[in-house]
C-alpha atoms as a PDB file:
ATOM      1  CA  MET A   1     168.290 158.241 148.661  1.00  0.00           C
ATOM      2  CA  LEU A   2     169.129 155.396 146.339  1.00  0.00           C
ATOM      3  CA  SER A   3     171.995 152.949 147.469  1.00  0.00           C
ATOM      4  CA  LEU A   4     173.723 150.301 145.584  1.00  0.00           C
ATOM      5  CA  GLY A   5     175.173 147.469 147.521  1.00  0.00           C
ATOM      6  CA  ILE A   6     177.662 144.931 146.270  1.00  0.00           C
ATOM      7  CA  GLU A   7     178.330 141.641 148.183  1.00  0.00           C
ATOM      8  CA  SER A   8     181.129 139.207 147.241  1.00  0.00           C
ATOM      9  CA  THR A   9     182.620 137.906 150.446  1.00  0.00           C
ATOM     10  CA  ALA A  10     182.258 134.147 149.638  1.00  0.00           C
ATOM     11  CA  HIS A  11     180.097 132.064 147.200  1.00  0.00           C
ATOM     12  CA  THR A  12     177.538 134.819 146.552  1.00  0.00           C
ATOM     13  CA  PHE A  13     177.925 137.711 144.275  1.00  0.00           C
ATOM     14  CA  SER A  14     175.001 140.046 144.767  1.00  0.00           C
ATOM     15  CA  CYS A  15     173.886 143.620 143.849  1.00  0.00           C
ATOM     16  CA  ALA A  16     170.914 145.280 145.570  1.00  0.00           C
ATOM     17  CA  ILE A  17     169.353 148.684 145.446  1.00  0.00           C
ATOM     18  CA  ILE A  18     167.522 150.138 148.341  1.00  0.00           C
ATOM     19  CA  GLU A  19     165.564 153.352 148.498  1.00  0.00           C
ATOM     20  CA  LYS A  20     165.212 155.397 151.565  1.00  0.00           C
ATOM     21  CA  ASN A  21     162.676 158.234 151.549  1.00  0.00           C
ATOM     22  CA  GLY A  22     162.256 159.724 155.011  1.00  0.00           C
ATOM     23  CA  LYS A  23     161.457 156.916 157.321  1.00  0.00           C
ATOM     24  CA  LYS A  24     160.262 154.722 154.380  1.00  0.00           C
ATOM     25  CA  VAL A  25     162.655 152.034 153.253  1.00  0.00           C
ATOM     26  CA  ARG A  26     162.100 149.827 150.231  1.00  0.00           C
ATOM     27  CA  ILE A  27     164.343 147.043 148.831  1.00  0.00           C
ATOM     28  CA  LEU A  28     163.936 147.727 144.942  1.00  0.00           C
ATOM     29  CA  SER A  29     165.899 144.779 143.830  1.00  0.00           C
ATOM     30  CA  ASP A  30     168.330 142.157 145.073  1.00  0.00           C
ATOM     31  CA  VAL A  31     169.963 139.886 142.506  1.00  0.00           C
ATOM     32  CA  ARG A  32     172.256 137.044 143.263  1.00  0.00           C
ATOM     33  CA  LYS A  33     174.462 134.532 141.507  1.00  0.00           C
ATOM     34  CA  ILE A  34     175.984 131.735 143.714  1.00  0.00           C
ATOM     35  CA  TYR A  35     179.115 129.783 143.053  1.00  0.00           C
ATOM     36  CA  ARG A  36     178.374 126.057 143.339  1.00  0.00           C
ATOM     37  CA  PRO A  37     181.403 123.847 143.813  1.00  0.00           C
ATOM     38  CA  PRO A  38     181.395 120.161 142.884  1.00  0.00           C
ATOM     39  CA  GLU A  39     179.631 117.787 145.325  1.00  0.00           C
ATOM     40  CA  GLY A  40     181.720 116.932 148.229  1.00  0.00           C
ATOM     41  CA  GLU A  41     184.023 120.040 147.835  1.00  0.00           C
ATOM     42  CA  GLY A  42     184.161 123.360 149.439  1.00  0.00           C
ATOM     43  CA  ILE A  43     184.581 126.843 148.121  1.00  0.00           C
ATOM     44  CA  HIS A  44     187.771 127.406 146.165  1.00  0.00           C
ATOM     45  CA  PRO A  45     188.598 131.064 146.414  1.00  0.00           C
ATOM     46  CA  ARG A  46     190.073 131.395 143.031  1.00  0.00           C
ATOM     47  CA  GLU A  47     187.176 129.603 141.345  1.00  0.00           C
ATOM     48  CA  ALA A  48     184.662 131.535 143.225  1.00  0.00           C
ATOM     49  CA  SER A  49     186.292 134.764 142.289  1.00  0.00           C
ATOM     50  CA  ARG A  50     186.267 133.764 138.665  1.00  0.00           C
ATOM     51  CA  HIS A  51     182.548 133.057 138.954  1.00  0.00           C
ATOM     52  CA  HIS A  52     182.062 136.496 140.415  1.00  0.00           C
ATOM     53  CA  ALA A  53     184.044 138.313 137.744  1.00  0.00           C
ATOM     54  CA  GLU A  54     182.087 136.429 135.003  1.00  0.00           C
ATOM     55  CA  ASN A  55     178.742 137.084 136.460  1.00  0.00           C
ATOM     56  CA  SER A  56     179.135 140.675 137.780  1.00  0.00           C
ATOM     57  CA  PRO A  57     178.038 142.559 134.702  1.00  0.00           C
ATOM     58  CA  ASN A  58     174.820 140.615 134.282  1.00  0.00           C
ATOM     59  CA  VAL A  59     174.000 140.768 138.033  1.00  0.00           C
ATOM     60  CA  LEU A  60     174.474 144.487 138.050  1.00  0.00           C
ATOM     61  CA  SER A  61     172.511 145.012 134.916  1.00  0.00           C
ATOM     62  CA  GLU A  62     169.602 142.920 136.076  1.00  0.00           C
ATOM     63  CA  CYS A  63     169.637 144.659 139.510  1.00  0.00           C
ATOM     64  CA  LEU A  64     169.307 148.073 137.760  1.00  0.00           C
ATOM     65  CA  ASP A  65     166.584 146.841 135.421  1.00  0.00           C
ATOM     66  CA  LYS A  66     164.481 145.332 138.274  1.00  0.00           C
ATOM     67  CA  ALA A  67     164.818 148.503 140.315  1.00  0.00           C
ATOM     68  CA  GLN A  68     164.035 150.601 137.269  1.00  0.00           C
ATOM     69  CA  VAL A  69     167.119 152.727 138.149  1.00  0.00           C
ATOM     70  CA  LYS A  70     169.982 154.100 136.079  1.00  0.00           C
ATOM     71  CA  ILE A  71     173.451 154.267 137.513  1.00  0.00           C
ATOM     72  CA  ASN A  72     173.386 158.052 137.310  1.00  0.00           C
ATOM     73  CA  ASP A  73     170.334 158.087 139.677  1.00  0.00           C
ATOM     74  CA  LEU A  74     172.445 156.404 142.596  1.00  0.00           C
ATOM     75  CA  ASN A  75     173.343 158.540 145.530  1.00  0.00           C
ATOM     76  CA  ILE A  76     175.914 156.028 147.070  1.00  0.00           C
ATOM     77  CA  ILE A  77     177.657 152.782 146.392  1.00  0.00           C
ATOM     78  CA  SER A  78     178.699 150.515 149.229  1.00  0.00           C
ATOM     79  CA  TYR A  79     180.597 147.121 148.908  1.00  0.00           C
ATOM     80  CA  ALA A  80     181.620 144.399 151.360  1.00  0.00           C
ATOM     81  CA  ALA A  81     185.138 145.108 152.327  1.00  0.00           C
ATOM     82  CA  GLY A  82     185.524 142.134 154.596  1.00  0.00           C
ATOM     83  CA  PRO A  83     185.647 139.723 156.410  1.00  0.00           C
ATOM     84  CA  GLY A  84     185.687 137.146 153.616  1.00  0.00           C
ATOM     85  CA  LEU A  85     187.832 135.360 150.939  1.00  0.00           C
ATOM     86  CA  GLY A  86     190.459 137.711 149.576  1.00  0.00           C
ATOM     87  CA  PRO A  87     190.066 136.951 145.796  1.00  0.00           C
ATOM     88  CA  CYS A  88     186.256 137.209 146.133  1.00  0.00           C
ATOM     89  CA  LEU A  89     186.343 140.500 148.185  1.00  0.00           C
ATOM     90  CA  ARG A  90     188.579 142.072 145.543  1.00  0.00           C
ATOM     91  CA  ILE A  91     186.078 141.433 142.730  1.00  0.00           C
ATOM     92  CA  GLY A  92     183.288 143.349 144.599  1.00  0.00           C
ATOM     93  CA  ALA A  93     185.737 146.140 145.498  1.00  0.00           C
ATOM     94  CA  ILE A  94     186.838 146.522 141.816  1.00  0.00           C
ATOM     95  CA  VAL A  95     183.297 146.733 140.550  1.00  0.00           C
ATOM     96  CA  ALA A  96     182.351 149.253 143.253  1.00  0.00           C
ATOM     97  CA  ARG A  97     185.542 151.392 142.716  1.00  0.00           C
ATOM     98  CA  SER A  98     185.035 151.426 138.934  1.00  0.00           C
ATOM     99  CA  LEU A  99     181.451 152.604 139.153  1.00  0.00           C
ATOM    100  CA  ALA A 100     182.263 155.182 141.869  1.00  0.00           C
ATOM    101  CA  SER A 101     185.119 156.541 139.794  1.00  0.00           C
ATOM    102  CA  TYR A 102     183.522 156.706 136.442  1.00  0.00           C
ATOM    103  CA  TYR A 103     180.161 158.073 137.576  1.00  0.00           C
ATOM    104  CA  ASP A 104     181.542 160.177 140.509  1.00  0.00           C
ATOM    105  CA  ILE A 105     179.449 158.464 143.147  1.00  0.00           C
ATOM    106  CA  PRO A 106     180.397 158.425 146.919  1.00  0.00           C
ATOM    107  CA  ILE A 107     181.730 154.979 147.928  1.00  0.00           C
ATOM    108  CA  TYR A 108     181.566 153.231 151.319  1.00  0.00           C
ATOM    109  CA  PRO A 109     183.535 150.106 152.258  1.00  0.00           C
ATOM    110  CA  VAL A 110     181.467 148.221 154.941  1.00  0.00           C
ATOM    111  CA  ASN A 111     181.666 145.356 157.314  1.00  0.00           C
ATOM    112  CA  HIS A 112     179.842 142.360 156.007  1.00  0.00           C
ATOM    113  CA  ALA A 113     178.904 141.000 159.428  1.00  0.00           C
ATOM    114  CA  LEU A 114     177.560 144.371 160.636  1.00  0.00           C
ATOM    115  CA  GLY A 115     175.422 144.376 157.395  1.00  0.00           C
ATOM    116  CA  HIS A 116     173.775 141.088 158.573  1.00  0.00           C
ATOM    117  CA  ILE A 117     172.838 142.718 161.907  1.00  0.00           C
ATOM    118  CA  GLU A 118     171.637 146.002 160.563  1.00  0.00           C
ATOM    119  CA  LEU A 119     169.469 144.503 157.885  1.00  0.00           C
ATOM    120  CA  GLY A 120     168.042 142.095 160.339  1.00  0.00           C
ATOM    121  CA  LYS A 121     167.118 144.995 162.690  1.00  0.00           C
ATOM    122  CA  MET A 122     165.643 146.928 159.878  1.00  0.00           C
ATOM    123  CA  LEU A 123     163.406 144.058 158.493  1.00  0.00           C
ATOM    124  CA  THR A 124     162.333 142.691 161.955  1.00  0.00           C
ATOM    125  CA  GLY A 125     161.921 145.970 163.864  1.00  0.00           C
ATOM    126  CA  ALA A 126     164.245 144.785 166.686  1.00  0.00           C
ATOM    127  CA  LYS A 127     165.502 147.865 168.580  1.00  0.00           C
ATOM    128  CA  ASP A 128     168.052 146.830 171.210  1.00  0.00           C
ATOM    129  CA  PRO A 129     168.570 143.081 170.760  1.00  0.00           C
ATOM    130  CA  LEU A 130     171.059 140.502 171.906  1.00  0.00           C
ATOM    131  CA  VAL A 131     172.244 139.171 168.458  1.00  0.00           C
ATOM    132  CA  LEU A 132     173.163 135.582 167.522  1.00  0.00           C
ATOM    133  CA  LEU A 133     175.123 135.831 164.274  1.00  0.00           C
ATOM    134  CA  VAL A 134     175.429 132.350 162.757  1.00  0.00           C
ATOM    135  CA  SER A 135     176.952 131.681 159.246  1.00  0.00           C
ATOM    136  CA  GLY A 136     179.739 130.142 157.440  1.00  0.00           C
ATOM    137  CA  GLY A 137     182.060 132.801 158.700  1.00  0.00           C
ATOM    138  CA  HIS A 138     180.655 133.663 162.198  1.00  0.00           C
ATOM    139  CA  THR A 139     179.236 132.139 165.363  1.00  0.00           C
ATOM    140  CA  MET A 140     178.911 135.066 167.822  1.00  0.00           C
ATOM    141  CA  ILE A 141     176.684 136.317 170.572  1.00  0.00           C
ATOM    142  CA  LEU A 142     176.726 140.131 170.572  1.00  0.00           C
ATOM    143  CA  ALA A 143     175.349 143.085 172.422  1.00  0.00           C
ATOM    144  CA  PHE A 144     175.704 146.721 171.576  1.00  0.00           C
ATOM    145  CA  LEU A 145     177.373 149.095 174.044  1.00  0.00           C
ATOM    146  CA  SER A 146     179.354 152.412 173.724  1.00  0.00           C
ATOM    147  CA  GLN A 147     179.428 152.504 169.879  1.00  0.00           C
ATOM    148  CA  LYS A 148     180.530 148.918 169.320  1.00  0.00           C
ATOM    149  CA  TRP A 149     179.017 145.484 169.138  1.00  0.00           C
ATOM    150  CA  ARG A 150     180.488 143.541 172.088  1.00  0.00           C
ATOM    151  CA  VAL A 151     181.225 139.867 171.890  1.00  0.00           C
ATOM    152  CA  PHE A 152     179.555 137.894 174.743  1.00  0.00           C
ATOM    153  CA  GLY A 153     180.545 134.585 173.408  1.00  0.00           C
ATOM    154  CA  GLU A 154     181.694 132.924 170.092  1.00  0.00           C
ATOM    155  CA  THR A 155     183.190 129.812 168.604  1.00  0.00           C
ATOM    156  CA  LEU A 156     186.672 128.801 169.691  1.00  0.00           C
ATOM    157  CA  ASP A 157     187.449 127.020 166.452  1.00  0.00           C
ATOM    158  CA  ILE A 158     185.192 126.505 163.529  1.00  0.00           C
ATOM    159  CA  THR A 159     181.876 128.269 163.016  1.00  0.00           C
ATOM    160  CA  VAL A 160     178.486 126.467 162.990  1.00  0.00           C
ATOM    161  CA  GLY A 161     178.213 127.081 159.199  1.00  0.00           C
ATOM    162  CA  GLN A 162     181.551 125.418 158.717  1.00  0.00           C
ATOM    163  CA  LEU A 163     180.531 122.516 160.942  1.00  0.00           C
ATOM    164  CA  LEU A 164     177.412 121.857 158.750  1.00  0.00           C
ATOM    165  CA  ASP A 165     179.266 122.294 155.489  1.00  0.00           C
ATOM    166  CA  GLN A 166     182.285 119.957 156.450  1.00  0.00           C
ATOM    167  CA  VAL A 167     179.942 117.311 157.701  1.00  0.00           C
ATOM    168  CA  GLY A 168     177.917 117.706 154.521  1.00  0.00           C
ATOM    169  CA  ARG A 169     180.912 117.541 152.199  1.00  0.00           C
ATOM    170  CA  TYR A 170     182.208 114.483 153.984  1.00  0.00           C
ATOM    171  CA  ALA A 171     178.782 112.839 153.378  1.00  0.00           C
ATOM    172  CA  GLY A 172     179.133 113.910 149.708  1.00  0.00           C
ATOM    173  CA  PHE A 173     176.684 116.824 149.586  1.00  0.00           C
ATOM    174  CA  ALA A 174     177.185 120.005 147.586  1.00  0.00           C
ATOM    175  CA  SER A 175     177.859 123.200 149.536  1.00  0.00           C
ATOM    176  CA  PRO A 176     176.145 124.937 151.106  1.00  0.00           C
ATOM    177  CA  CYS A 177     174.992 121.789 153.003  1.00  0.00           C
ATOM    178  CA  GLY A 178     172.931 123.266 155.842  1.00  0.00           C
ATOM    179  CA  PRO A 179     169.483 122.833 154.071  1.00  0.00           C
ATOM    180  CA  LYS A 180     170.290 119.246 153.081  1.00  0.00           C
ATOM    181  CA  ILE A 181     171.241 118.367 156.723  1.00  0.00           C
ATOM    182  CA  GLU A 182     168.188 120.108 158.020  1.00  0.00           C
ATOM    183  CA  SER A 183     166.011 118.184 155.573  1.00  0.00           C
ATOM    184  CA  LEU A 184     167.610 114.759 156.502  1.00  0.00           C
ATOM    185  CA  ALA A 185     167.293 115.518 160.282  1.00  0.00           C
ATOM    186  CA  LEU A 186     163.487 115.661 159.967  1.00  0.00           C
ATOM    187  CA  SER A 187     163.573 111.918 159.025  1.00  0.00           C
ATOM    188  CA  SER A 188     164.914 110.826 162.404  1.00  0.00           C
ATOM    189  CA  LYS A 189     164.329 111.155 166.095  1.00  0.00           C
ATOM    190  CA  HIS A 190     167.132 108.780 167.085  1.00  0.00           C
ATOM    191  CA  TYR A 191     169.739 110.689 169.038  1.00  0.00           C
ATOM    192  CA  MET A 192     173.305 109.245 169.014  1.00  0.00           C
ATOM    193  CA  PRO A 193     175.538 110.816 171.672  1.00  0.00           C
ATOM    194  CA  LEU A 194     177.961 113.419 170.465  1.00  0.00           C
ATOM    195  CA  PRO A 195     180.462 115.769 172.262  1.00  0.00           C
ATOM    196  CA  TYR A 196     178.878 118.744 173.892  1.00  0.00           C
ATOM    197  CA  VAL A 197     181.409 121.547 174.455  1.00  0.00           C
ATOM    198  CA  VAL A 198     180.522 124.885 176.112  1.00  0.00           C
ATOM    199  CA  LYS A 199     183.415 126.693 177.715  1.00  0.00           C
ATOM    200  CA  GLY A 200     182.107 129.712 179.683  1.00  0.00           C
ATOM    201  CA  ASN A 201     180.202 131.614 177.108  1.00  0.00           C
ATOM    202  CA  ASP A 202     182.030 130.161 174.167  1.00  0.00           C
ATOM    203  CA  VAL A 203     181.358 126.976 172.116  1.00  0.00           C
ATOM    204  CA  SER A 204     183.715 124.501 170.411  1.00  0.00           C
ATOM    205  CA  PHE A 205     182.615 122.482 167.361  1.00  0.00           C
ATOM    206  CA  SER A 206     185.833 120.698 166.173  1.00  0.00           C
ATOM    207  CA  GLY A 207     185.272 117.610 168.398  1.00  0.00           C
ATOM    208  CA  LEU A 208     181.619 117.452 167.367  1.00  0.00           C
ATOM    209  CA  LEU A 209     182.708 117.509 163.663  1.00  0.00           C
ATOM    210  CA  SER A 210     184.943 114.579 164.149  1.00  0.00           C
ATOM    211  CA  ALA A 211     182.486 112.568 166.136  1.00  0.00           C
ATOM    212  CA  THR A 212     179.736 113.196 163.559  1.00  0.00           C
ATOM    213  CA  LYS A 213     181.788 111.947 160.766  1.00  0.00           C
ATOM    214  CA  ARG A 214     182.368 108.640 162.701  1.00  0.00           C
ATOM    215  CA  ILE A 215     178.617 108.076 163.124  1.00  0.00           C
ATOM    216  CA  ILE A 216     177.509 108.767 159.560  1.00  0.00           C
ATOM    217  CA  PRO A 217     177.878 105.128 158.606  1.00  0.00           C
ATOM    218  CA  LYS A 218     175.425 104.137 161.267  1.00  0.00           C
ATOM    219  CA  GLY A 219     172.661 106.256 159.500  1.00  0.00           C
ATOM    220  CA  ILE A 220     172.912 109.630 157.802  1.00  0.00           C
ATOM    221  CA  GLU A 221     169.479 110.770 158.952  1.00  0.00           C
ATOM    222  CA  SER A 222     170.198 110.086 162.634  1.00  0.00           C
ATOM    223  CA  ALA A 223     173.660 111.570 162.310  1.00  0.00           C
ATOM    224  CA  CYS A 224     172.130 114.825 160.954  1.00  0.00           C
ATOM    225  CA  PHE A 225     169.497 114.836 163.652  1.00  0.00           C
ATOM    226  CA  SER A 226     172.075 114.366 166.387  1.00  0.00           C
ATOM    227  CA  LEU A 227     174.437 116.924 164.949  1.00  0.00           C
ATOM    228  CA  GLN A 228     171.692 119.589 164.868  1.00  0.00           C
ATOM    229  CA  GLU A 229     170.354 118.786 168.394  1.00  0.00           C
ATOM    230  CA  THR A 230     173.858 119.003 169.866  1.00  0.00           C
ATOM    231  CA  ALA A 231     175.152 122.031 168.108  1.00  0.00           C
ATOM    232  CA  PHE A 232     171.956 124.043 168.454  1.00  0.00           C
ATOM    233  CA  SER A 233     171.633 123.165 172.165  1.00  0.00           C
ATOM    234  CA  MET A 234     175.147 124.332 172.798  1.00  0.00           C
ATOM    235  CA  MET A 235     174.442 127.656 171.259  1.00  0.00           C
ATOM    236  CA  GLY A 236     171.108 127.795 173.015  1.00  0.00           C
ATOM    237  CA  GLU A 237     172.814 127.433 176.437  1.00  0.00           C
ATOM    238  CA  ALA A 238     175.299 130.207 175.597  1.00  0.00           C
ATOM    239  CA  VAL A 239     172.429 132.467 174.317  1.00  0.00           C
ATOM    240  CA  GLU A 240     170.227 131.708 177.537  1.00  0.00           C
ATOM    241  CA  ARG A 241     173.251 132.705 179.725  1.00  0.00           C
ATOM    242  CA  ALA A 242     173.764 135.825 177.709  1.00  0.00           C
ATOM    243  CA  LEU A 243     170.046 136.802 178.076  1.00  0.00           C
ATOM    244  CA  ALA A 244     170.097 136.266 181.844  1.00  0.00           C
ATOM    245  CA  PHE A 245     173.381 138.318 182.216  1.00  0.00           C
ATOM    246  CA  THR A 246     172.483 141.236 179.948  1.00  0.00           C
ATOM    247  CA  GLY A 247     168.807 141.474 180.764  1.00  0.00           C
ATOM    248  CA  LYS A 248     167.987 142.044 177.104  1.00  0.00           C
ATOM    249  CA  LYS A 249     164.346 141.679 176.077  1.00  0.00           C
ATOM    250  CA  GLU A 250     164.847 141.074 172.436  1.00  0.00           C
ATOM    251  CA  LEU A 251     166.885 138.257 170.629  1.00  0.00           C
ATOM    252  CA  LEU A 252     167.709 138.674 166.935  1.00  0.00           C
ATOM    253  CA  VAL A 253     169.172 135.792 164.869  1.00  0.00           C
ATOM    254  CA  VAL A 254     170.965 136.591 161.693  1.00  0.00           C
ATOM    255  CA  GLY A 255     173.257 134.924 159.165  1.00  0.00           C
ATOM    256  CA  GLY A 256     172.725 131.977 156.821  1.00  0.00           C
ATOM    257  CA  VAL A 257     172.032 129.396 159.583  1.00  0.00           C
ATOM    258  CA  ALA A 258     169.189 131.640 160.859  1.00  0.00           C
ATOM    259  CA  ALA A 259     167.070 130.086 158.247  1.00  0.00           C
ATOM    260  CA  ASN A 260     167.261 126.679 160.132  1.00  0.00           C
ATOM    261  CA  LYS A 261     163.729 126.012 161.703  1.00  0.00           C
ATOM    262  CA  ARG A 262     165.034 123.682 164.438  1.00  0.00           C
ATOM    263  CA  LEU A 263     167.431 126.430 165.707  1.00  0.00           C
ATOM    264  CA  SER A 264     164.528 128.869 165.818  1.00  0.00           C
ATOM    265  CA  ASP A 265     162.391 126.362 167.771  1.00  0.00           C
ATOM    266  CA  ILE A 266     165.058 125.946 170.422  1.00  0.00           C
ATOM    267  CA  LEU A 267     165.726 129.677 170.718  1.00  0.00           C
ATOM    268  CA  THR A 268     161.887 130.460 170.827  1.00  0.00           C
ATOM    269  CA  SER A 269     161.560 128.233 173.854  1.00  0.00           C
ATOM    270  CA  ILE A 270     164.376 129.994 175.549  1.00  0.00           C
ATOM    271  CA  CYS A 271     162.902 133.478 174.844  1.00  0.00           C
ATOM    272  CA  LYS A 272     159.559 132.341 176.355  1.00  0.00           C
ATOM    273  CA  ARG A 273     161.270 131.405 179.594  1.00  0.00           C
ATOM    274  CA  HIS A 274     162.924 134.884 179.783  1.00  0.00           C
ATOM    275  CA  GLY A 275     159.934 136.972 178.681  1.00  0.00           C
ATOM    276  CA  CYS A 276     162.072 137.984 175.597  1.00  0.00           C
ATOM    277  CA  LYS A 277     160.817 138.820 172.144  1.00  0.00           C
ATOM    278  CA  PHE A 278     162.290 136.572 169.443  1.00  0.00           C
ATOM    279  CA  PHE A 279     163.168 137.896 165.974  1.00  0.00           C
ATOM    280  CA  VAL A 280     164.822 136.056 163.118  1.00  0.00           C
ATOM    281  CA  ALA A 281     165.979 137.513 159.786  1.00  0.00           C
ATOM    282  CA  PRO A 282     163.581 136.659 157.066  1.00  0.00           C
ATOM    283  CA  LYS A 283     164.752 133.504 155.142  1.00  0.00           C
ATOM    284  CA  GLU A 284     165.106 135.432 151.940  1.00  0.00           C
ATOM    285  CA  TYR A 285     167.684 137.800 153.508  1.00  0.00           C
ATOM    286  CA  ALA A 286     169.268 135.653 156.193  1.00  0.00           C
ATOM    287  CA  GLY A 287     172.199 134.598 153.964  1.00  0.00           C
ATOM    288  CA  ASP A 288     174.735 136.741 152.171  1.00  0.00           C
ATOM    289  CA  CYS A 289     173.004 139.449 149.936  1.00  0.00           C
ATOM    290  CA  GLY A 290     173.456 142.843 148.472  1.00  0.00           C
ATOM    291  CA  SER A 291     170.674 144.220 150.616  1.00  0.00           C
ATOM    292  CA  GLN A 292     172.633 144.016 153.738  1.00  0.00           C
ATOM    293  CA  ILE A 293     175.531 146.000 152.189  1.00  0.00           C
ATOM    294  CA  SER A 294     173.254 148.564 150.641  1.00  0.00           C
ATOM    295  CA  TRP A 295     171.324 149.351 153.765  1.00  0.00           C
ATOM    296  CA  LEU A 296     174.672 149.577 155.833  1.00  0.00           C
ATOM    297  CA  GLY A 297     175.894 151.979 153.332  1.00  0.00           C
ATOM    298  CA  ILE A 298     172.818 154.201 153.910  1.00  0.00           C
ATOM    299  CA  LEU A 299     173.265 154.153 157.588  1.00  0.00           C
ATOM    300  CA  GLU A 300     176.991 155.072 157.376  1.00  0.00           C
ATOM    301  CA  SER A 301     176.286 157.832 154.812  1.00  0.00           C
ATOM    302  CA  SER A 302     174.066 159.628 157.337  1.00  0.00           C
ATOM    303  CA  THR A 303     177.039 160.591 159.541  1.00  0.00           C
ATOM    304  CA  LYS A 304     180.181 160.609 157.237  1.00  0.00           C
ATOM    305  CA  PRO A 305     181.103 161.322 153.642  1.00  0.00           C
ATOM    306  CA  GLY A 306     182.188 158.641 151.136  1.00  0.00           C
ATOM    307  CA  GLU A 307     185.753 157.279 151.254  1.00  0.00           C
ATOM    308  CA  ASP A 308     188.519 158.587 148.996  1.00  0.00           C
ATOM    309  CA  LEU A 309     189.152 155.909 146.246  1.00  0.00           C
ATOM    310  CA  ALA A 310     192.799 155.757 147.383  1.00  0.00           C
ATOM    311  CA  ASN A 311     191.679 154.647 150.833  1.00  0.00           C
ATOM    312  CA  THR A 312     189.161 151.940 149.749  1.00  0.00           C
ATOM    313  CA  PHE A 313     190.348 148.581 150.917  1.00  0.00           C
ATOM    314  CA  VAL A 314     189.487 144.896 151.427  1.00  0.00           C
ATOM    315  CA  LYS A 315     190.286 143.115 154.674  1.00  0.00           C
ATOM    316  CA  GLN A 316     190.008 139.311 154.925  1.00  0.00           C
ATOM    317  CA  SER A 317     190.013 139.320 158.755  1.00  0.00           C
ATOM    318  CA  TRP A 318     187.946 142.300 159.830  1.00  0.00           C
ATOM    319  CA  ARG A 319     186.360 141.609 163.306  1.00  0.00           C
ATOM    320  CA  LEU A 320     182.978 142.986 163.900  1.00  0.00           C
ATOM    321  CA  ASP A 321     183.910 144.197 167.466  1.00  0.00           C
ATOM    322  CA  THR A 322     186.622 146.413 166.053  1.00  0.00           C
ATOM    323  CA  VAL A 323     184.104 148.497 163.982  1.00  0.00           C
ATOM    324  CA  LYS A 324     182.978 151.747 165.673  1.00  0.00           C
ATOM    325  CA  VAL A 325     179.404 152.667 164.832  1.00  0.00           C
ATOM    326  CA  HIS A 326     178.734 156.445 164.426  1.00  0.00           C
ATOM    327  CA  TYR A 327     175.152 156.376 163.018  1.00  0.00           C
END
């Protein structure tokens, strides 16, 4: 089976082709173009969607060329139907619908967050993990039960990805800001006290955001170091409680922030205490990419036919724990 996946939820427009032959799975191509806002500014949905519309033909063409595949060879097409930025989601949906309609190929609208998890499981070999999903759009601790991913804990306000980006933009960095903050944090070991807010199994980052902005004039490196130590320790506490409660023996970290080495170090030490295997999505596929959409399309096609074009949709707010998993 050959599957084309189209990702366009936020700053990334990506097309990827995955081949599944029996139990053998290969990512044949994964091509991305990323919208880069001016330094100190965030993603403007209209500008990002214009970027996606302008780059989509070249991204698709390059994806097919790298995979050495023709559109007529494809068995299914899947696209990220949500959650995400409305104007950006619509570009991916339009491209997917156009191809599916013209070439008569089954189409699958899929949940972007579920794609993160399933691609992470496939690439790492995790079987039944507790999942920490950390990105610009999500900060959630999840476990699978009765055909749904159940939320054990999540952010009460902004996500950890938004926290890093808003601090970075305030400091004048270009989005996404996480890698820049991680790099600067390595230059300091001076911790400046910041608000640490864990409420039950949930975390709150809004107070941490305001306080970090106030300490930036005292030294950007120390501010970045203190920010990471506080935010990641908060998530570590919630994850450790979830591991103790659920008894899971695997922890899988997915999403763009999964690429942060300091976060992995904290979670690795927690897993050692609990005799738990630690898995993290490969850096190349931790962030938004077409592969996660393509692979989820393959999984969904194993149990249901493609969607009628009249019923294809985009949904800006589409919570992961509302999706029933049938495969």
